[in-house]
C-alpha atoms as a PDB file:
ATOM      1  CA  MET A   1       0.034  -0.251  -0.137  1.00  0.00           C
ATOM      2  CA  ASN A   2       1.076   3.822  -0.690  1.00  0.00           C
ATOM      3  CA  GLU A   3       1.959   6.144   2.382  1.00  0.00           C
ATOM      4  CA  SER A   4      -1.577   7.585   2.172  1.00  0.00           C
ATOM      5  CA  ALA A   5      -3.491   4.035   2.675  1.00  0.00           C
ATOM      6  CA  ALA A   6      -1.254   3.400   5.309  1.00  0.00           C
ATOM      7  CA  GLU A   7      -1.967   6.601   7.243  1.00  0.00           C
ATOM      8  CA  ASN A   8      -5.628   5.913   6.746  1.00  0.00           C
ATOM      9  CA  LEU A   9      -5.187   2.477   7.682  1.00  0.00           C
ATOM     10  CA  SER A  10      -3.182   3.205  10.638  1.00  0.00           C
ATOM     11  CA  ILE A  11      -6.364   5.649  11.903  1.00  0.00           C
ATOM     12  CA  ALA A  12      -8.501   3.438  11.271  1.00  0.00           C
ATOM     13  CA  LEU A  13      -7.259   0.805  13.117  1.00  0.00           C
ATOM     14  CA  ASN A  14      -6.667   3.953  16.156  1.00  0.00           C
ATOM     15  CA  GLN A  15     -10.329   4.546  16.284  1.00  0.00           C
ATOM     16  CA  ALA A  16     -11.585   1.495  16.317  1.00  0.00           C
ATOM     17  CA  GLY A  17      -9.259   0.200  18.934  1.00  0.00           C
ATOM     18  CA  TYR A  18      -7.092  -1.658  17.928  1.00  0.00           C
ATOM     19  CA  PRO A  19      -3.491   0.369  18.561  1.00  0.00           C
ATOM     20  CA  VAL A  20      -0.836   0.477  15.323  1.00  0.00           C
ATOM     21  CA  THR A  21       2.389  -0.580  16.664  1.00  0.00           C
ATOM     22  CA  ILE A  22       4.639  -0.202  13.423  1.00  0.00           C
ATOM     23  CA  LYS A  23       3.941   2.150  10.079  1.00  0.00           C
ATOM     24  CA  ARG A  24       6.861   2.439   7.875  1.00  0.00           C
ATOM     25  CA  LYS A  25       8.231   2.786   4.555  1.00  0.00           C
ATOM     26  CA  VAL A  26       9.181  -0.656   3.100  1.00  0.00           C
ATOM     27  CA  GLU A  27      12.972  -1.242   2.202  1.00  0.00           C
ATOM     28  CA  GLY A  28      13.497  -0.284  -1.128  1.00  0.00           C
ATOM     29  CA  CYS A  29      10.461   0.206  -2.739  1.00  0.00           C
ATOM     30  CA  ASN A  30       7.102   2.645  -2.133  1.00  0.00           C
ATOM     31  CA  GLN A  31       5.627  -0.234  -0.393  1.00  0.00           C
ATOM     32  CA  TRP A  32       4.357   0.757   3.382  1.00  0.00           C
ATOM     33  CA  ASN A  33       4.022  -1.385   6.020  1.00  0.00           C
ATOM     34  CA  VAL A  34       0.952  -1.099   9.027  1.00  0.00           C
ATOM     35  CA  GLU A  35       1.119  -3.409  12.128  1.00  0.00           C
ATOM     36  CA  SER A  36      -1.290  -3.835  14.980  1.00  0.00           C
ATOM     37  CA  GLN A  37      -2.030  -6.080  17.918  1.00  0.00           C
ATOM     38  CA  ILE A  38      -6.229  -7.926  17.184  1.00  0.00           C
ATOM     39  CA  GLU A  39      -6.820 -10.494  19.919  1.00  0.00           C
ATOM     40  CA  ALA A  40      -8.467 -12.401  16.865  1.00  0.00           C
ATOM     41  CA  SER A  41      -8.035 -15.157  14.886  1.00  0.00           C
ATOM     42  CA  PRO A  42      -6.216 -14.983  11.842  1.00  0.00           C
ATOM     43  CA  ILE A  43      -9.696 -16.141  10.194  1.00  0.00           C
ATOM     44  CA  GLU A  44     -11.731 -13.204  12.338  1.00  0.00           C
ATOM     45  CA  VAL A  45      -8.722 -10.850  10.935  1.00  0.00           C
ATOM     46  CA  THR A  46      -8.942 -11.221   7.372  1.00  0.00           C
ATOM     47  CA  ALA A  47     -12.923 -11.649   7.673  1.00  0.00           C
ATOM     48  CA  GLN A  48     -14.378  -8.854   5.051  1.00  0.00           C
ATOM     49  CA  SER A  49     -16.376  -7.598   8.223  1.00  0.00           C
ATOM     50  CA  LEU A  50     -14.017  -6.610   9.732  1.00  0.00           C
ATOM     51  CA  VAL A  51     -12.369  -4.935   7.307  1.00  0.00           C
ATOM     52  CA  GLU A  52     -15.617  -3.682   6.258  1.00  0.00           C
ATOM     53  CA  SER A  53     -16.631  -2.178   9.949  1.00  0.00           C
ATOM     54  CA  LEU A  54     -12.657  -0.870   9.973  1.00  0.00           C
ATOM     55  CA  VAL A  55     -13.254   1.201   6.550  1.00  0.00           C
ATOM     56  CA  LYS A  56     -17.033   2.031   7.562  1.00  0.00           C
ATOM     57  CA  ASN A  57     -15.483   3.583  11.208  1.00  0.00           C
ATOM     58  CA  PHE A  58     -12.649   6.268   9.667  1.00  0.00           C
ATOM     59  CA  ARG A  59     -15.131   7.179   6.688  1.00  0.00           C
ATOM     60  CA  THR A  60     -17.998   8.521   9.573  1.00  0.00           C
ATOM     61  CA  LYS A  61     -15.489   9.663  11.858  1.00  0.00           C
ATOM     62  CA  GLU A  62     -13.937  11.479   8.829  1.00  0.00           C
ATOM     63  CA  LYS A  63     -17.055  12.977   8.184  1.00  0.00           C
ATOM     64  CA  LYS A  64     -17.851  14.189  11.614  1.00  0.00           C
ATOM     65  CA  LEU A  65     -14.892  15.988  11.462  1.00  0.00           C
ATOM     66  CA  ARG A  66     -15.364  17.375   7.730  1.00  0.00           C
ATOM     67  CA  ASN A  67     -18.809  18.835   9.300  1.00  0.00           C
ATOM     68  CA  ALA A  68     -17.370  20.666  12.487  1.00  0.00           C
END
């Protein structure tokens, strides 16, 4: 993912209560790495519902900030 996507994912994870432990550029390329601690099974973490809830949560809070 690029830097902007990494930043957005970091914000969404933090807002959802999953603190980001690492966010950095991958050495030797233009990709970014984001790591967080989520207490769930690998299946739960990769489930579409978790990803959708992170995106929805981020967009809702972003919209509220713009309208404030």
